[in-house]
Amino acid sequence: MNQAIASELQLMDPHVRASRELAGQLLDPQFVEVGGSGRRWTCETMLAELPDHPGSSLDGPRYEPSDISGVLLAPGLVHLTFETILGERRTRHSSIWRKAEGAAGWRMYYHQATRVPPGVA
C-alpha cells in the first residue's frame, strides 16, 4: 500500500510529469484515464501530453494532495482515493495500481478524476 501511495505522489511531482521517461516508469502499458473533462487517455496519449498539463511546470502551481487512502483489492492490486488542490481547482481521484513483474514496481493501471465544484463539501 505504501509503495503505491509513494508512486502516486511521484506522479504529482513536476520533475516526473515533465519527463516522459520517469512518468513512463509509473504508468502501466495498459493504462487508461477518464479525466475530469470526460476525455479518455491511454498510456501513449498521456505520456505525450503530460508535460503540457497543469502541475507539470516547476514554476507553476503544484498538486497539493490530501486524504490519501487505499484498499488492497487482491495481491498486487491496490485502489487509492484522494483529493488534490491545484491552484483554485479541487479534484477527487480514484486510481488502481498494480504490481508489475520484476523490477518495474507499482504502475498506475487506471485513473479517474472528478472536479469538485466550488462550495461542495
C-alpha atoms as a PDB file:
ATOM      1  CA  MET A   1       0.000   0.000   0.000  1.00  0.00           C
ATOM      2  CA  ASN A   2       2.727   2.464   0.973  1.00  0.00           C
ATOM      3  CA  GLN A   3       4.620   1.817  -2.253  1.00  0.00           C
ATOM      4  CA  ALA A   4       1.517   2.529  -4.348  1.00  0.00           C
ATOM      5  CA  ILE A   5       0.905   5.763  -2.405  1.00  0.00           C
ATOM      6  CA  ALA A   6       4.543   6.798  -2.864  1.00  0.00           C
ATOM      7  CA  SER A   7       4.241   6.140  -6.606  1.00  0.00           C
ATOM      8  CA  GLU A   8       1.032   8.185  -6.780  1.00  0.00           C
ATOM      9  CA  LEU A   9       2.815  11.093  -5.104  1.00  0.00           C
ATOM     10  CA  GLN A  10       5.708  10.778  -7.561  1.00  0.00           C
ATOM     11  CA  LEU A  11       3.258  11.275 -10.448  1.00  0.00           C
ATOM     12  CA  MET A  12       2.318  14.641  -8.924  1.00  0.00           C
ATOM     13  CA  ASP A  13       5.944  15.823  -8.907  1.00  0.00           C
ATOM     14  CA  PRO A  14       6.620  18.342 -11.712  1.00  0.00           C
ATOM     15  CA  HIS A  15      10.007  16.721 -12.453  1.00  0.00           C
ATOM     16  CA  VAL A  16       8.299  13.372 -13.074  1.00  0.00           C
ATOM     17  CA  ARG A  17       5.355  14.863 -15.009  1.00  0.00           C
ATOM     18  CA  ALA A  18       7.727  16.743 -17.319  1.00  0.00           C
ATOM     19  CA  SER A  19       9.748  13.596 -18.097  1.00  0.00           C
ATOM     20  CA  ARG A  20       8.306  11.015 -20.481  1.00  0.00           C
ATOM     21  CA  GLU A  21      10.864   8.507 -19.182  1.00  0.00           C
ATOM     22  CA  LEU A  22      10.094   8.986 -15.476  1.00  0.00           C
ATOM     23  CA  ALA A  23       6.320   9.120 -15.947  1.00  0.00           C
ATOM     24  CA  GLY A  24       6.543   6.069 -18.205  1.00  0.00           C
ATOM     25  CA  GLN A  25       8.062   4.077 -15.357  1.00  0.00           C
ATOM     26  CA  LEU A  26       4.919   4.725 -13.305  1.00  0.00           C
ATOM     27  CA  LEU A  27       2.204   4.151 -15.922  1.00  0.00           C
ATOM     28  CA  ASP A  28       1.163   0.647 -16.870  1.00  0.00           C
ATOM     29  CA  PRO A  29       1.355  -0.038 -20.637  1.00  0.00           C
ATOM     30  CA  GLN A  30      -2.425  -0.709 -20.485  1.00  0.00           C
ATOM     31  CA  PHE A  31      -3.098   2.496 -18.520  1.00  0.00           C
ATOM     32  CA  VAL A  32      -6.422   4.293 -19.070  1.00  0.00           C
ATOM     33  CA  GLU A  33      -7.645   7.533 -17.532  1.00  0.00           C
ATOM     34  CA  VAL A  34     -11.020   9.198 -17.659  1.00  0.00           C
ATOM     35  CA  GLY A  35     -10.268  12.829 -16.926  1.00  0.00           C
ATOM     36  CA  GLY A  36     -12.445  15.450 -15.296  1.00  0.00           C
ATOM     37  CA  SER A  37     -13.401  16.662 -18.761  1.00  0.00           C
ATOM     38  CA  GLY A  38     -14.621  13.198 -19.732  1.00  0.00           C
ATOM     39  CA  ARG A  39     -11.703  12.676 -22.099  1.00  0.00           C
ATOM     40  CA  ARG A  40     -10.249   9.160 -22.272  1.00  0.00           C
ATOM     41  CA  TRP A  41      -6.452   8.901 -22.127  1.00  0.00           C
ATOM     42  CA  THR A  42      -4.239   5.925 -22.946  1.00  0.00           C
ATOM     43  CA  CYS A  43      -0.688   5.440 -21.753  1.00  0.00           C
ATOM     44  CA  GLU A  44       0.686   6.794 -25.006  1.00  0.00           C
ATOM     45  CA  THR A  45      -1.529   9.873 -25.168  1.00  0.00           C
ATOM     46  CA  MET A  46      -0.874  10.656 -21.504  1.00  0.00           C
ATOM     47  CA  LEU A  47       2.902  10.386 -21.872  1.00  0.00           C
ATOM     48  CA  ALA A  48       2.792  12.575 -24.987  1.00  0.00           C
ATOM     49  CA  GLU A  49       0.730  15.338 -23.375  1.00  0.00           C
ATOM     50  CA  LEU A  50       1.572  15.151 -19.648  1.00  0.00           C
ATOM     51  CA  PRO A  51       4.467  17.654 -19.818  1.00  0.00           C
ATOM     52  CA  ASP A  52       1.981  20.320 -21.014  1.00  0.00           C
ATOM     53  CA  HIS A  53      -0.635  19.588 -18.324  1.00  0.00           C
ATOM     54  CA  PRO A  54      -1.146  21.775 -15.252  1.00  0.00           C
ATOM     55  CA  GLY A  55       1.126  20.745 -12.399  1.00  0.00           C
ATOM     56  CA  SER A  56       3.980  19.803 -14.734  1.00  0.00           C
ATOM     57  CA  SER A  57       5.876  23.088 -14.585  1.00  0.00           C
ATOM     58  CA  LEU A  58       8.462  23.833 -11.927  1.00  0.00           C
ATOM     59  CA  ASP A  59       7.348  27.462 -11.761  1.00  0.00           C
ATOM     60  CA  GLY A  60       3.582  26.835 -11.879  1.00  0.00           C
ATOM     61  CA  PRO A  61       1.059  25.585  -9.342  1.00  0.00           C
ATOM     62  CA  ARG A  62       1.737  22.193  -7.784  1.00  0.00           C
ATOM     63  CA  TYR A  63      -0.620  19.454  -6.703  1.00  0.00           C
ATOM     64  CA  GLU A  64      -1.491  19.518  -3.013  1.00  0.00           C
ATOM     65  CA  PRO A  65      -2.791  16.012  -2.173  1.00  0.00           C
ATOM     66  CA  SER A  66      -4.858  15.155   0.891  1.00  0.00           C
ATOM     67  CA  ASP A  67      -6.756  12.269   2.448  1.00  0.00           C
ATOM     68  CA  ILE A  68      -4.907   9.549   0.537  1.00  0.00           C
ATOM     69  CA  SER A  69      -6.172   6.117   1.483  1.00  0.00           C
ATOM     70  CA  GLY A  70      -6.036   2.722  -0.093  1.00  0.00           C
ATOM     71  CA  VAL A  71      -7.586  -0.716  -0.180  1.00  0.00           C
ATOM     72  CA  LEU A  72      -5.865  -3.935  -1.209  1.00  0.00           C
ATOM     73  CA  LEU A  73      -8.185  -5.433  -3.841  1.00  0.00           C
ATOM     74  CA  ALA A  74      -6.079  -8.543  -4.472  1.00  0.00           C
ATOM     75  CA  PRO A  75      -2.395  -9.437  -4.205  1.00  0.00           C
ATOM     76  CA  GLY A  76      -0.554  -6.855  -6.303  1.00  0.00           C
ATOM     77  CA  LEU A  77      -3.655  -4.688  -6.875  1.00  0.00           C
ATOM     78  CA  VAL A  78      -4.400  -1.530  -4.864  1.00  0.00           C
ATOM     79  CA  HIS A  79      -7.198   1.042  -5.138  1.00  0.00           C
ATOM     80  CA  LEU A  80      -6.289   4.561  -3.944  1.00  0.00           C
ATOM     81  CA  THR A  81      -8.603   7.512  -3.356  1.00  0.00           C
ATOM     82  CA  PHE A  82      -7.619  11.083  -2.521  1.00  0.00           C
ATOM     83  CA  GLU A  83      -8.230  14.747  -3.214  1.00  0.00           C
ATOM     84  CA  THR A  84      -5.957  17.362  -4.729  1.00  0.00           C
ATOM     85  CA  ILE A  85      -5.896  21.100  -4.979  1.00  0.00           C
ATOM     86  CA  LEU A  86      -4.118  22.650  -7.956  1.00  0.00           C
ATOM     87  CA  GLY A  87      -4.383  26.404  -7.909  1.00  0.00           C
ATOM     88  CA  GLU A  88      -8.087  27.070  -7.393  1.00  0.00           C
ATOM     89  CA  ARG A  89      -9.230  23.651  -8.668  1.00  0.00           C
ATOM     90  CA  ARG A  90     -10.183  20.878  -6.241  1.00  0.00           C
ATOM     91  CA  THR A  91     -10.433  17.353  -7.656  1.00  0.00           C
ATOM     92  CA  ARG A  92     -11.318  13.911  -6.303  1.00  0.00           C
ATOM     93  CA  HIS A  93      -9.281  10.998  -7.630  1.00  0.00           C
ATOM     94  CA  SER A  94      -9.540   7.240  -7.801  1.00  0.00           C
ATOM     95  CA  SER A  95      -6.681   5.139  -9.120  1.00  0.00           C
ATOM     96  CA  ILE A  96      -5.828   1.487  -9.413  1.00  0.00           C
ATOM     97  CA  TRP A  97      -2.200   0.440  -9.111  1.00  0.00           C
ATOM     98  CA  ARG A  98      -0.870  -2.987  -9.959  1.00  0.00           C
ATOM     99  CA  LYS A  99       2.455  -4.533  -9.153  1.00  0.00           C
ATOM    100  CA  ALA A 100       4.458  -5.199 -12.283  1.00  0.00           C
ATOM    101  CA  GLU A 101       6.636  -8.261 -12.617  1.00  0.00           C
ATOM    102  CA  GLY A 102      10.353  -7.892 -11.969  1.00  0.00           C
ATOM    103  CA  ALA A 103      11.956  -4.587 -11.082  1.00  0.00           C
ATOM    104  CA  ALA A 104       9.241  -2.421 -12.659  1.00  0.00           C
ATOM    105  CA  GLY A 105       7.423  -1.990  -9.325  1.00  0.00           C
ATOM    106  CA  TRP A 106       3.975  -0.449  -8.964  1.00  0.00           C
ATOM    107  CA  ARG A 107       2.343   1.098 -12.010  1.00  0.00           C
ATOM    108  CA  MET A 108      -0.901   3.007 -12.386  1.00  0.00           C
ATOM    109  CA  TYR A 109      -3.386   0.916 -14.333  1.00  0.00           C
ATOM    110  CA  TYR A 110      -6.471   3.156 -14.149  1.00  0.00           C
ATOM    111  CA  HIS A 111      -7.252   6.708 -13.031  1.00  0.00           C
ATOM    112  CA  GLN A 112     -10.471   8.703 -12.711  1.00  0.00           C
ATOM    113  CA  ALA A 113     -10.559  12.395 -11.820  1.00  0.00           C
ATOM    114  CA  THR A 114     -13.658  14.401 -10.948  1.00  0.00           C
ATOM    115  CA  ARG A 115     -13.610  18.144 -10.432  1.00  0.00           C
ATOM    116  CA  VAL A 116     -15.361  19.380  -7.309  1.00  0.00           C
ATOM    117  CA  PRO A 117     -17.458  22.500  -7.915  1.00  0.00           C
ATOM    118  CA  PRO A 118     -16.865  25.446  -5.556  1.00  0.00           C
ATOM    119  CA  GLY A 119     -18.950  25.221  -2.399  1.00  0.00           C
ATOM    120  CA  VAL A 120     -19.317  21.410  -2.457  1.00  0.00           C
ATOM    121  CA  ALA A 121     -18.116  19.670   0.713  1.00  0.00           C
END
